[in-house]
Each structure stands twice: as structure tokens, then as C-alpha cells.
């Protein structure tokens, strides 16, 4: 394989990665917990928070609500990371050892 072909393949792979990353960044991911629902884009920008708990939130519930928010965010990030691995994982395997 000559250097010109290698460079062309590298440029194509770079374009493919950029396109997949743009696609991923525009996707939306919902994270849930019992009391909270969060919406993130694929680039981990928070778009919306919804409190699902019915009724009033008293002082005792505030700590639980904080925990529920953390659980929902973690759930969304797990989904984003799984989709990132699915869409871009093959490229990291190709690049293994080059950096």
C-alpha cells in the first residue's frame, strides 16, 4: 500500500468519524429515576429536567430528590456512552496502537 492510499483512507476515516460524532451529538437521551427524568443530547448537554414526583416536596424529600437526579443523570450518561461505543467503537479499535 502506498502512502497516498494510506492518507486517503485516513482522511475518509476522519470524515466518517466526524459524521458519526455529529449524528451522535444531535441524538437525545433520556435518563430516569423514580422521581426525575432528564434529557441530554449526545454531547452531554442537559436539555430538560422533569420532576415526576406527585404532590409537594417537603424538606425530607430534598435529599432523596438530589439522589434521584444523580441516578437519572447517570442513567442518561450510560445510554450516551453505550451509543458512543456502538457508533464509534470500531474506530477506536482501528486506531489502537497508533497513538
C-alpha atoms as a PDB file:
ATOM      1  CA  UNK A   1       0.000   0.000   0.000  1.00  0.00           C
ATOM      2  CA  UNK A   2       1.446   3.317  -0.934  1.00  0.00           C
ATOM      3  CA  UNK A   3       1.462   6.426   1.197  1.00  0.00           C
ATOM      4  CA  UNK A   4      -1.121   8.207  -0.967  1.00  0.00           C
ATOM      5  CA  UNK A   5      -3.671   5.411  -0.485  1.00  0.00           C
ATOM      6  CA  UNK A   6      -2.958   5.339   3.230  1.00  0.00           C
ATOM      7  CA  UNK A   7      -3.544   9.088   3.509  1.00  0.00           C
ATOM      8  CA  UNK A   8      -6.794   8.815   1.523  1.00  0.00           C
ATOM      9  CA  UNK A   9      -8.029   6.064   3.847  1.00  0.00           C
ATOM     10  CA  UNK A  10      -7.103   8.116   6.906  1.00  0.00           C
ATOM     11  CA  UNK A  11      -8.959  11.156   5.560  1.00  0.00           C
ATOM     12  CA  UNK A  12     -12.034   9.044   4.785  1.00  0.00           C
ATOM     13  CA  UNK A  13     -11.955   7.561   8.279  1.00  0.00           C
ATOM     14  CA  UNK A  14     -11.658  11.058   9.768  1.00  0.00           C
ATOM     15  CA  UNK A  15     -14.713  12.227   7.763  1.00  0.00           C
ATOM     16  CA  UNK A  16     -16.641   9.137   8.841  1.00  0.00           C
ATOM     17  CA  UNK A  17     -15.794   9.760  12.488  1.00  0.00           C
ATOM     18  CA  UNK A  18     -16.806  13.426  12.237  1.00  0.00           C
ATOM     19  CA  UNK A  19     -20.134  12.478  10.617  1.00  0.00           C
ATOM     20  CA  UNK A  20     -20.867   9.836  13.251  1.00  0.00           C
ATOM     21  CA  UNK A  21     -19.946  12.289  16.023  1.00  0.00           C
ATOM     22  CA  UNK A  22     -22.313  14.928  14.598  1.00  0.00           C
ATOM     23  CA  UNK A  23     -25.064  12.335  14.374  1.00  0.00           C
ATOM     24  CA  UNK A  24     -24.428  11.221  17.949  1.00  0.00           C
ATOM     25  CA  UNK A  25     -24.300  14.807  19.253  1.00  0.00           C
ATOM     26  CA  UNK A  26     -27.718  15.558  17.758  1.00  0.00           C
ATOM     27  CA  UNK A  27     -29.364  12.479  19.307  1.00  0.00           C
ATOM     28  CA  UNK A  28     -31.338  12.807  22.534  1.00  0.00           C
ATOM     29  CA  UNK A  29     -31.046  10.501  25.525  1.00  0.00           C
ATOM     30  CA  UNK A  30     -33.485  10.247  28.425  1.00  0.00           C
ATOM     31  CA  UNK A  31     -32.369   9.229  31.882  1.00  0.00           C
ATOM     32  CA  UNK A  32     -34.853   8.087  34.503  1.00  0.00           C
ATOM     33  CA  UNK A  33     -35.127   7.581  38.182  1.00  0.00           C
ATOM     34  CA  UNK A  34     -38.225   7.135  40.283  1.00  0.00           C
ATOM     35  CA  UNK A  35     -38.763  10.888  40.710  1.00  0.00           C
ATOM     36  CA  UNK A  36     -36.754  12.535  37.926  1.00  0.00           C
ATOM     37  CA  UNK A  37     -36.442  12.426  34.145  1.00  0.00           C
ATOM     38  CA  UNK A  38     -33.570  14.201  32.389  1.00  0.00           C
ATOM     39  CA  UNK A  39     -32.957  14.815  28.700  1.00  0.00           C
ATOM     40  CA  UNK A  40     -29.429  15.156  27.317  1.00  0.00           C
ATOM     41  CA  UNK A  41     -28.031  15.451  23.831  1.00  0.00           C
ATOM     42  CA  UNK A  42     -25.311  13.058  22.739  1.00  0.00           C
ATOM     43  CA  UNK A  43     -22.659  15.652  23.542  1.00  0.00           C
ATOM     44  CA  UNK A  44     -23.933  15.590  27.152  1.00  0.00           C
ATOM     45  CA  UNK A  45     -25.723  18.941  27.126  1.00  0.00           C
ATOM     46  CA  UNK A  46     -28.654  18.991  29.544  1.00  0.00           C
ATOM     47  CA  UNK A  47     -31.815  19.960  27.669  1.00  0.00           C
ATOM     48  CA  UNK A  48     -34.570  19.325  30.207  1.00  0.00           C
ATOM     49  CA  UNK A  49     -35.297  18.165  33.736  1.00  0.00           C
ATOM     50  CA  UNK A  50     -38.716  16.900  34.717  1.00  0.00           C
ATOM     51  CA  UNK A  51     -39.758  16.191  38.292  1.00  0.00           C
ATOM     52  CA  UNK A  52     -42.035  13.145  38.237  1.00  0.00           C
ATOM     53  CA  UNK A  53     -42.923  13.072  41.941  1.00  0.00           C
ATOM     54  CA  UNK A  54     -46.547  13.894  42.530  1.00  0.00           C
ATOM     55  CA  UNK A  55     -47.544  16.359  45.249  1.00  0.00           C
ATOM     56  CA  UNK A  56     -45.402  18.584  47.400  1.00  0.00           C
ATOM     57  CA  UNK A  57     -41.736  18.045  48.080  1.00  0.00           C
ATOM     58  CA  UNK A  58     -41.018  18.542  51.758  1.00  0.00           C
ATOM     59  CA  UNK A  59     -37.650  19.061  53.434  1.00  0.00           C
ATOM     60  CA  UNK A  60     -37.149  15.324  53.964  1.00  0.00           C
ATOM     61  CA  UNK A  61     -37.674  14.719  50.241  1.00  0.00           C
ATOM     62  CA  UNK A  62     -34.994  17.201  49.118  1.00  0.00           C
ATOM     63  CA  UNK A  63     -32.094  14.824  49.783  1.00  0.00           C
ATOM     64  CA  UNK A  64     -33.943  11.987  48.069  1.00  0.00           C
ATOM     65  CA  UNK A  65     -34.688  14.266  45.112  1.00  0.00           C
ATOM     66  CA  UNK A  66     -30.988  15.085  44.830  1.00  0.00           C
ATOM     67  CA  UNK A  67     -30.172  11.366  44.797  1.00  0.00           C
ATOM     68  CA  UNK A  68     -32.880  10.726  42.201  1.00  0.00           C
ATOM     69  CA  UNK A  69     -31.433  13.462  39.993  1.00  0.00           C
ATOM     70  CA  UNK A  70     -27.992  11.855  40.188  1.00  0.00           C
ATOM     71  CA  UNK A  71     -29.442   8.460  39.305  1.00  0.00           C
ATOM     72  CA  UNK A  72     -31.264   9.888  36.276  1.00  0.00           C
ATOM     73  CA  UNK A  73     -28.140  11.688  35.040  1.00  0.00           C
ATOM     74  CA  UNK A  74     -26.057   8.541  35.456  1.00  0.00           C
ATOM     75  CA  UNK A  75     -28.697   6.572  33.533  1.00  0.00           C
ATOM     76  CA  UNK A  76     -28.598   9.061  30.650  1.00  0.00           C
ATOM     77  CA  UNK A  77     -24.782   9.076  30.549  1.00  0.00           C
ATOM     78  CA  UNK A  78     -24.691   5.274  30.473  1.00  0.00           C
ATOM     79  CA  UNK A  79     -27.000   5.370  27.447  1.00  0.00           C
ATOM     80  CA  UNK A  80     -24.866   8.039  25.744  1.00  0.00           C
ATOM     81  CA  UNK A  81     -21.676   6.060  26.392  1.00  0.00           C
ATOM     82  CA  UNK A  82     -23.228   2.837  25.091  1.00  0.00           C
ATOM     83  CA  UNK A  83     -24.377   4.561  21.895  1.00  0.00           C
ATOM     84  CA  UNK A  84     -20.963   6.212  21.513  1.00  0.00           C
ATOM     85  CA  UNK A  85     -19.283   2.819  21.791  1.00  0.00           C
ATOM     86  CA  UNK A  86     -21.734   1.358  19.290  1.00  0.00           C
ATOM     87  CA  UNK A  87     -21.240   4.158  16.759  1.00  0.00           C
ATOM     88  CA  UNK A  88     -17.555   4.976  17.225  1.00  0.00           C
ATOM     89  CA  UNK A  89     -16.075   1.915  18.924  1.00  0.00           C
ATOM     90  CA  UNK A  90     -14.894   0.351  15.679  1.00  0.00           C
ATOM     91  CA  UNK A  91     -12.758   3.424  15.004  1.00  0.00           C
ATOM     92  CA  UNK A  92     -11.022   3.248  18.356  1.00  0.00           C
ATOM     93  CA  UNK A  93     -10.207  -0.414  17.668  1.00  0.00           C
ATOM     94  CA  UNK A  94      -8.698   0.575  14.304  1.00  0.00           C
ATOM     95  CA  UNK A  95      -6.605   3.296  15.918  1.00  0.00           C
ATOM     96  CA  UNK A  96      -5.341   1.040  18.718  1.00  0.00           C
ATOM     97  CA  UNK A  97      -1.598   1.273  18.875  1.00  0.00           C
ATOM     98  CA  UNK A  98      -1.310   4.295  16.592  1.00  0.00           C
ATOM     99  CA  UNK A  99      -1.264   6.852  19.392  1.00  0.00           C
END
